[in-house]
């Protein structure tokens, strides 16, 4: 006969398996009807029970989630068709700027990149990697952009403090970002098929943001980097 503790461990496994994303301790405690302080021990017990499993409990985006162990990733990759959508170099650079300097507006991103970033921002919004977190108290009241829990989960992070250490105050911040996303050549041309205005010098950065939802998306970017943004 299964005792109550073992029942809760199995219930936790079922809940994590069914969840759409990471579950925090409060949510787990509510679903399993137990004190929040008991959740961590329950997670440890499940991790021990799954020691020989192809799956493991991982901590991502402030919560817990079931994930495939690295040595089985190749088999899972073969199963996934079509292949996960890739982010273009332009989108990755834009995402890195938002991650390190959030909350930040699209005109501020344009100023750092030296190009119009509307298409890249739209694409990141559509993929759920960034979100709008209000408006800045400035002329035109542009949207403030921040990263999401989906961003943390996609890049295997539990919190933003786990990002590689950069120095936003340094003059070479943009170069640091380019190295981070694997773009060593700062003057590399746009990917073939990318929107014509995405890498064009931006002369409107100081103007108010237009509604991102009414602007063209980032679908024209050619696949470039290896970040998986399949949602």
C-alpha atoms as a PDB file:
ATOM      1  CA  UNK A   1       0.000   0.000   0.000  1.00  0.00           C
ATOM      2  CA  UNK A   2       1.362   3.420  -0.976  1.00  0.00           C
ATOM      3  CA  UNK A   3       1.793   5.778   1.975  1.00  0.00           C
ATOM      4  CA  UNK A   4       0.743   9.415   1.838  1.00  0.00           C
ATOM      5  CA  UNK A   5       4.270  10.717   1.170  1.00  0.00           C
ATOM      6  CA  UNK A   6       4.821   8.407  -1.794  1.00  0.00           C
ATOM      7  CA  UNK A   7       1.391   9.346  -3.109  1.00  0.00           C
ATOM      8  CA  UNK A   8       2.354  13.031  -3.035  1.00  0.00           C
ATOM      9  CA  UNK A   9       5.656  12.313  -4.804  1.00  0.00           C
ATOM     10  CA  UNK A  10       3.822  10.516  -7.602  1.00  0.00           C
ATOM     11  CA  UNK A  11       1.227  13.276  -7.718  1.00  0.00           C
ATOM     12  CA  UNK A  12       4.002  15.849  -8.095  1.00  0.00           C
ATOM     13  CA  UNK A  13       5.425  13.876 -11.021  1.00  0.00           C
ATOM     14  CA  UNK A  14       2.013  13.828 -12.691  1.00  0.00           C
ATOM     15  CA  UNK A  15       1.443  17.537 -12.139  1.00  0.00           C
ATOM     16  CA  UNK A  16       4.857  18.532 -13.508  1.00  0.00           C
ATOM     17  CA  UNK A  17       4.307  16.266 -16.513  1.00  0.00           C
ATOM     18  CA  UNK A  18       0.939  17.881 -17.289  1.00  0.00           C
ATOM     19  CA  UNK A  19       2.028  21.487 -16.711  1.00  0.00           C
ATOM     20  CA  UNK A  20       2.573  23.816 -19.687  1.00  0.00           C
ATOM     21  CA  UNK A  21       5.615  25.408 -18.030  1.00  0.00           C
ATOM     22  CA  UNK A  22       7.550  25.676 -14.757  1.00  0.00           C
ATOM     23  CA  UNK A  23       5.435  25.567 -11.576  1.00  0.00           C
ATOM     24  CA  UNK A  24       6.521  27.590  -8.553  1.00  0.00           C
ATOM     25  CA  UNK A  25       6.339  26.271  -5.003  1.00  0.00           C
ATOM     26  CA  UNK A  26       3.144  28.156  -4.183  1.00  0.00           C
ATOM     27  CA  UNK A  27       1.313  26.682  -7.167  1.00  0.00           C
ATOM     28  CA  UNK A  28       2.531  23.160  -6.381  1.00  0.00           C
ATOM     29  CA  UNK A  29       1.471  23.509  -2.744  1.00  0.00           C
ATOM     30  CA  UNK A  30      -2.001  24.657  -3.799  1.00  0.00           C
ATOM     31  CA  UNK A  31      -2.499  21.821  -6.301  1.00  0.00           C
ATOM     32  CA  UNK A  32      -1.183  19.083  -4.000  1.00  0.00           C
ATOM     33  CA  UNK A  33      -2.849  20.548  -0.903  1.00  0.00           C
ATOM     34  CA  UNK A  34       0.238  20.726   1.277  1.00  0.00           C
ATOM     35  CA  UNK A  35       2.277  23.445   3.044  1.00  0.00           C
ATOM     36  CA  UNK A  36       4.648  25.454   0.874  1.00  0.00           C
ATOM     37  CA  UNK A  37       7.555  24.555   3.129  1.00  0.00           C
ATOM     38  CA  UNK A  38       7.079  20.865   2.233  1.00  0.00           C
ATOM     39  CA  UNK A  39       7.462  21.381  -1.513  1.00  0.00           C
ATOM     40  CA  UNK A  40      11.263  21.490  -1.670  1.00  0.00           C
ATOM     41  CA  UNK A  41      11.612  18.173   0.175  1.00  0.00           C
ATOM     42  CA  UNK A  42       8.984  16.651  -2.103  1.00  0.00           C
ATOM     43  CA  UNK A  43      10.899  17.813  -5.191  1.00  0.00           C
ATOM     44  CA  UNK A  44      14.103  16.285  -3.804  1.00  0.00           C
ATOM     45  CA  UNK A  45      12.288  13.007  -3.189  1.00  0.00           C
ATOM     46  CA  UNK A  46      10.971  12.974  -6.761  1.00  0.00           C
ATOM     47  CA  UNK A  47      14.458  13.736  -8.098  1.00  0.00           C
ATOM     48  CA  UNK A  48      15.856  10.730  -6.220  1.00  0.00           C
ATOM     49  CA  UNK A  49      13.028   8.533  -7.461  1.00  0.00           C
ATOM     50  CA  UNK A  50      13.781   9.571 -11.060  1.00  0.00           C
ATOM     51  CA  UNK A  51      17.545   9.059 -10.797  1.00  0.00           C
ATOM     52  CA  UNK A  52      17.476   6.281 -13.399  1.00  0.00           C
ATOM     53  CA  UNK A  53      14.840   7.901 -15.594  1.00  0.00           C
ATOM     54  CA  UNK A  54      15.390   9.622 -18.940  1.00  0.00           C
ATOM     55  CA  UNK A  55      13.583  12.586 -17.382  1.00  0.00           C
ATOM     56  CA  UNK A  56      14.668  14.840 -14.555  1.00  0.00           C
ATOM     57  CA  UNK A  57      13.277  17.656 -12.440  1.00  0.00           C
ATOM     58  CA  UNK A  58      14.893  20.977 -13.316  1.00  0.00           C
ATOM     59  CA  UNK A  59      14.527  24.427 -11.792  1.00  0.00           C
ATOM     60  CA  UNK A  60      13.684  27.059 -14.411  1.00  0.00           C
ATOM     61  CA  UNK A  61      12.130  30.530 -14.363  1.00  0.00           C
ATOM     62  CA  UNK A  62      11.542  30.401 -10.617  1.00  0.00           C
ATOM     63  CA  UNK A  63       9.748  27.054 -10.729  1.00  0.00           C
ATOM     64  CA  UNK A  64      10.110  23.331 -11.370  1.00  0.00           C
ATOM     65  CA  UNK A  65       9.634  21.405 -14.612  1.00  0.00           C
ATOM     66  CA  UNK A  66      10.235  17.947 -16.036  1.00  0.00           C
ATOM     67  CA  UNK A  67      12.898  17.872 -18.753  1.00  0.00           C
ATOM     68  CA  UNK A  68      14.764  15.317 -20.838  1.00  0.00           C
ATOM     69  CA  UNK A  69      18.271  14.452 -19.660  1.00  0.00           C
ATOM     70  CA  UNK A  70      20.961  15.829 -21.946  1.00  0.00           C
ATOM     71  CA  UNK A  71      22.144  12.435 -23.198  1.00  0.00           C
ATOM     72  CA  UNK A  72      18.680  11.731 -24.654  1.00  0.00           C
ATOM     73  CA  UNK A  73      18.226  15.147 -26.293  1.00  0.00           C
ATOM     74  CA  UNK A  74      19.262  13.838 -29.722  1.00  0.00           C
ATOM     75  CA  UNK A  75      16.405  11.324 -29.805  1.00  0.00           C
ATOM     76  CA  UNK A  76      13.880  13.965 -28.832  1.00  0.00           C
ATOM     77  CA  UNK A  77      15.254  16.322 -31.471  1.00  0.00           C
ATOM     78  CA  UNK A  78      14.624  13.710 -34.175  1.00  0.00           C
ATOM     79  CA  UNK A  79      11.017  13.480 -33.053  1.00  0.00           C
ATOM     80  CA  UNK A  80      10.342  17.182 -33.363  1.00  0.00           C
ATOM     81  CA  UNK A  81       9.161  18.084 -36.844  1.00  0.00           C
ATOM     82  CA  UNK A  82       9.464  20.637 -38.182  1.00  0.00           C
ATOM     83  CA  UNK A  83      12.677  21.702 -36.464  1.00  0.00           C
ATOM     84  CA  UNK A  84      12.354  24.398 -33.775  1.00  0.00           C
ATOM     85  CA  UNK A  85      12.142  27.921 -35.091  1.00  0.00           C
ATOM     86  CA  UNK A  86      15.444  29.785 -34.908  1.00  0.00           C
ATOM     87  CA  UNK A  87      16.046  33.404 -34.018  1.00  0.00           C
ATOM     88  CA  UNK A  88      17.877  35.592 -36.524  1.00  0.00           C
ATOM     89  CA  UNK A  89      21.060  37.389 -35.478  1.00  0.00           C
ATOM     90  CA  UNK A  90      19.119  40.679 -35.492  1.00  0.00           C
ATOM     91  CA  UNK A  91      16.439  39.268 -33.179  1.00  0.00           C
ATOM     92  CA  UNK A  92      19.037  37.745 -30.838  1.00  0.00           C
ATOM     93  CA  UNK A  93      20.905  41.052 -30.584  1.00  0.00           C
ATOM     94  CA  UNK A  94      17.639  42.856 -29.822  1.00  0.00           C
ATOM     95  CA  UNK A  95      16.695  40.224 -27.236  1.00  0.00           C
ATOM     96  CA  UNK A  96      20.088  40.499 -25.525  1.00  0.00           C
ATOM     97  CA  UNK A  97      19.722  44.283 -25.246  1.00  0.00           C
ATOM     98  CA  UNK A  98      16.267  43.902 -23.681  1.00  0.00           C
ATOM     99  CA  UNK A  99      17.493  41.192 -21.295  1.00  0.00           C
ATOM    100  CA  UNK A 100      20.376  43.296 -19.960  1.00  0.00           C
ATOM    101  CA  UNK A 101      18.803  46.758 -19.975  1.00  0.00           C
ATOM    102  CA  UNK A 102      15.138  46.069 -19.222  1.00  0.00           C
ATOM    103  CA  UNK A 103      12.809  47.810 -18.951  1.00  0.00           C
ATOM    104  CA  UNK A 104      13.759  49.505 -22.214  1.00  0.00           C
ATOM    105  CA  UNK A 105      11.888  51.132 -25.091  1.00  0.00           C
ATOM    106  CA  UNK A 106      12.138  50.365 -28.782  1.00  0.00           C
ATOM    107  CA  UNK A 107      13.683  53.797 -29.603  1.00  0.00           C
ATOM    108  CA  UNK A 108      16.359  53.144 -26.958  1.00  0.00           C
ATOM    109  CA  UNK A 109      17.078  49.771 -28.565  1.00  0.00           C
ATOM    110  CA  UNK A 110      17.313  51.493 -31.972  1.00  0.00           C
ATOM    111  CA  UNK A 111      19.838  53.963 -30.556  1.00  0.00           C
ATOM    112  CA  UNK A 112      22.089  51.144 -29.321  1.00  0.00           C
ATOM    113  CA  UNK A 113      21.824  49.069 -32.504  1.00  0.00           C
ATOM    114  CA  UNK A 114      21.898  51.981 -34.944  1.00  0.00           C
ATOM    115  CA  UNK A 115      19.025  50.448 -36.939  1.00  0.00           C
ATOM    116  CA  UNK A 116      15.236  50.239 -36.772  1.00  0.00           C
ATOM    117  CA  UNK A 117      14.340  47.310 -34.509  1.00  0.00           C
ATOM    118  CA  UNK A 118      10.567  47.276 -34.967  1.00  0.00           C
ATOM    119  CA  UNK A 119      10.461  43.986 -36.901  1.00  0.00           C
ATOM    120  CA  UNK A 120      12.736  42.208 -34.409  1.00  0.00           C
ATOM    121  CA  UNK A 121      10.717  43.486 -31.432  1.00  0.00           C
ATOM    122  CA  UNK A 122       7.471  42.346 -33.068  1.00  0.00           C
ATOM    123  CA  UNK A 123       8.898  38.883 -33.651  1.00  0.00           C
ATOM    124  CA  UNK A 124      10.048  38.583 -30.038  1.00  0.00           C
ATOM    125  CA  UNK A 125       6.622  39.687 -28.810  1.00  0.00           C
ATOM    126  CA  UNK A 126       4.907  37.112 -31.026  1.00  0.00           C
ATOM    127  CA  UNK A 127       7.185  34.348 -29.702  1.00  0.00           C
ATOM    128  CA  UNK A 128       6.453  35.328 -26.094  1.00  0.00           C
ATOM    129  CA  UNK A 129      10.111  35.998 -25.311  1.00  0.00           C
ATOM    130  CA  UNK A 130       9.431  39.636 -24.406  1.00  0.00           C
ATOM    131  CA  UNK A 131       6.367  41.494 -23.184  1.00  0.00           C
ATOM    132  CA  UNK A 132       5.135  45.066 -22.820  1.00  0.00           C
ATOM    133  CA  UNK A 133       5.299  46.265 -19.208  1.00  0.00           C
ATOM    134  CA  UNK A 134       3.638  49.664 -19.440  1.00  0.00           C
ATOM    135  CA  UNK A 135       4.790  52.945 -20.954  1.00  0.00           C
ATOM    136  CA  UNK A 136       7.740  55.169 -20.160  1.00  0.00           C
ATOM    137  CA  UNK A 137       7.033  58.633 -18.772  1.00  0.00           C
ATOM    138  CA  UNK A 138       8.653  60.369 -21.735  1.00  0.00           C
ATOM    139  CA  UNK A 139       7.502  62.212 -24.878  1.00  0.00           C
ATOM    140  CA  UNK A 140       5.276  59.897 -26.881  1.00  0.00           C
ATOM    141  CA  UNK A 141       5.025  57.500 -23.910  1.00  0.00           C
ATOM    142  CA  UNK A 142       6.805  54.608 -25.677  1.00  0.00           C
ATOM    143  CA  UNK A 143       6.226  51.023 -24.583  1.00  0.00           C
ATOM    144  CA  UNK A 144       8.582  49.499 -21.997  1.00  0.00           C
ATOM    145  CA  UNK A 145       9.838  46.040 -22.958  1.00  0.00           C
ATOM    146  CA  UNK A 146      10.905  43.261 -20.576  1.00  0.00           C
ATOM    147  CA  UNK A 147      11.766  39.576 -20.924  1.00  0.00           C
ATOM    148  CA  UNK A 148       9.306  36.875 -19.849  1.00  0.00           C
ATOM    149  CA  UNK A 149       9.332  33.601 -17.927  1.00  0.00           C
ATOM    150  CA  UNK A 150       9.255  31.903 -21.339  1.00  0.00           C
ATOM    151  CA  UNK A 151      12.552  33.636 -22.147  1.00  0.00           C
ATOM    152  CA  UNK A 152      14.118  32.193 -18.973  1.00  0.00           C
ATOM    153  CA  UNK A 153      12.804  28.718 -19.732  1.00  0.00           C
ATOM    154  CA  UNK A 154      13.881  28.839 -23.397  1.00  0.00           C
ATOM    155  CA  UNK A 155      17.462  29.766 -22.523  1.00  0.00           C
ATOM    156  CA  UNK A 156      17.737  27.430 -19.530  1.00  0.00           C
ATOM    157  CA  UNK A 157      17.812  30.138 -16.851  1.00  0.00           C
ATOM    158  CA  UNK A 158      16.205  30.194 -13.428  1.00  0.00           C
ATOM    159  CA  UNK A 159      16.553  33.955 -13.022  1.00  0.00           C
ATOM    160  CA  UNK A 160      18.093  36.927 -14.843  1.00  0.00           C
ATOM    161  CA  UNK A 161      21.086  36.994 -12.510  1.00  0.00           C
ATOM    162  CA  UNK A 162      22.304  33.838 -14.284  1.00  0.00           C
ATOM    163  CA  UNK A 163      22.908  35.742 -17.528  1.00  0.00           C
ATOM    164  CA  UNK A 164      26.581  35.991 -18.556  1.00  0.00           C
ATOM    165  CA  UNK A 165      28.165  39.006 -16.892  1.00  0.00           C
ATOM    166  CA  UNK A 166      28.433  42.094 -19.103  1.00  0.00           C
ATOM    167  CA  UNK A 167      29.100  45.782 -18.403  1.00  0.00           C
ATOM    168  CA  UNK A 168      26.245  47.913 -19.802  1.00  0.00           C
ATOM    169  CA  UNK A 169      28.038  51.113 -18.764  1.00  0.00           C
ATOM    170  CA  UNK A 170      31.052  50.382 -20.971  1.00  0.00           C
ATOM    171  CA  UNK A 171      31.330  51.946 -24.397  1.00  0.00           C
ATOM    172  CA  UNK A 172      31.796  48.531 -25.989  1.00  0.00           C
ATOM    173  CA  UNK A 173      28.498  47.135 -24.656  1.00  0.00           C
ATOM    174  CA  UNK A 174      27.177  46.524 -28.158  1.00  0.00           C
ATOM    175  CA  UNK A 175      30.331  44.602 -29.041  1.00  0.00           C
ATOM    176  CA  UNK A 176      29.909  42.508 -25.899  1.00  0.00           C
ATOM    177  CA  UNK A 177      26.374  41.692 -26.993  1.00  0.00           C
ATOM    178  CA  UNK A 178      27.540  40.726 -30.466  1.00  0.00           C
ATOM    179  CA  UNK A 179      30.141  38.371 -29.011  1.00  0.00           C
ATOM    180  CA  UNK A 180      27.458  36.883 -26.772  1.00  0.00           C
ATOM    181  CA  UNK A 181      25.232  35.979 -29.739  1.00  0.00           C
ATOM    182  CA  UNK A 182      28.111  34.851 -31.935  1.00  0.00           C
ATOM    183  CA  UNK A 183      28.199  37.860 -34.258  1.00  0.00           C
ATOM    184  CA  UNK A 184      31.857  38.912 -34.326  1.00  0.00           C
ATOM    185  CA  UNK A 185      31.509  41.103 -37.425  1.00  0.00           C
ATOM    186  CA  UNK A 186      29.701  44.266 -36.381  1.00  0.00           C
ATOM    187  CA  UNK A 187      29.164  45.316 -39.990  1.00  0.00           C
ATOM    188  CA  UNK A 188      27.810  42.007 -41.254  1.00  0.00           C
ATOM    189  CA  UNK A 189      25.026  42.459 -43.860  1.00  0.00           C
ATOM    190  CA  UNK A 190      21.435  41.536 -43.095  1.00  0.00           C
ATOM    191  CA  UNK A 191      20.333  37.940 -43.638  1.00  0.00           C
ATOM    192  CA  UNK A 192      18.877  37.287 -47.084  1.00  0.00           C
ATOM    193  CA  UNK A 193      15.101  37.619 -46.909  1.00  0.00           C
ATOM    194  CA  UNK A 194      15.074  39.887 -43.857  1.00  0.00           C
ATOM    195  CA  UNK A 195      12.795  42.959 -43.922  1.00  0.00           C
ATOM    196  CA  UNK A 196      14.469  45.689 -45.920  1.00  0.00           C
ATOM    197  CA  UNK A 197      14.204  48.296 -43.184  1.00  0.00           C
ATOM    198  CA  UNK A 198      15.434  46.160 -40.276  1.00  0.00           C
ATOM    199  CA  UNK A 199      19.108  46.921 -40.803  1.00  0.00           C
ATOM    200  CA  UNK A 200      18.604  50.362 -42.294  1.00  0.00           C
ATOM    201  CA  UNK A 201      19.866  53.332 -40.226  1.00  0.00           C
ATOM    202  CA  UNK A 202      17.045  54.522 -38.026  1.00  0.00           C
ATOM    203  CA  UNK A 203      16.194  58.214 -38.274  1.00  0.00           C
ATOM    204  CA  UNK A 204      13.046  57.998 -36.145  1.00  0.00           C
ATOM    205  CA  UNK A 205      14.302  56.652 -32.841  1.00  0.00           C
ATOM    206  CA  UNK A 206      13.291  59.786 -30.974  1.00  0.00           C
ATOM    207  CA  UNK A 207       9.677  59.580 -32.206  1.00  0.00           C
ATOM    208  CA  UNK A 208       6.852  57.874 -30.336  1.00  0.00           C
ATOM    209  CA  UNK A 209       6.505  54.111 -30.708  1.00  0.00           C
ATOM    210  CA  UNK A 210       3.770  52.879 -32.995  1.00  0.00           C
ATOM    211  CA  UNK A 211       1.552  50.056 -31.784  1.00  0.00           C
ATOM    212  CA  UNK A 212       3.725  46.944 -32.216  1.00  0.00           C
ATOM    213  CA  UNK A 213       0.695  44.850 -33.106  1.00  0.00           C
ATOM    214  CA  UNK A 214       0.023  46.992 -36.193  1.00  0.00           C
ATOM    215  CA  UNK A 215       3.541  46.706 -37.567  1.00  0.00           C
ATOM    216  CA  UNK A 216       5.069  43.939 -39.726  1.00  0.00           C
ATOM    217  CA  UNK A 217       6.500  40.937 -37.918  1.00  0.00           C
ATOM    218  CA  UNK A 218       9.966  39.430 -38.009  1.00  0.00           C
ATOM    219  CA  UNK A 219       9.094  36.360 -40.063  1.00  0.00           C
ATOM    220  CA  UNK A 220      11.419  37.353 -42.895  1.00  0.00           C
ATOM    221  CA  UNK A 221      14.592  36.866 -40.885  1.00  0.00           C
ATOM    222  CA  UNK A 222      16.705  34.005 -42.179  1.00  0.00           C
ATOM    223  CA  UNK A 223      17.638  31.343 -39.582  1.00  0.00           C
ATOM    224  CA  UNK A 224      20.905  32.319 -37.992  1.00  0.00           C
ATOM    225  CA  UNK A 225      21.614  31.413 -34.380  1.00  0.00           C
ATOM    226  CA  UNK A 226      20.934  28.357 -32.324  1.00  0.00           C
ATOM    227  CA  UNK A 227      18.528  29.693 -29.701  1.00  0.00           C
ATOM    228  CA  UNK A 228      15.358  27.602 -29.625  1.00  0.00           C
ATOM    229  CA  UNK A 229      12.173  29.691 -29.553  1.00  0.00           C
ATOM    230  CA  UNK A 230       9.705  27.092 -30.685  1.00  0.00           C
ATOM    231  CA  UNK A 231       6.688  28.728 -29.080  1.00  0.00           C
END
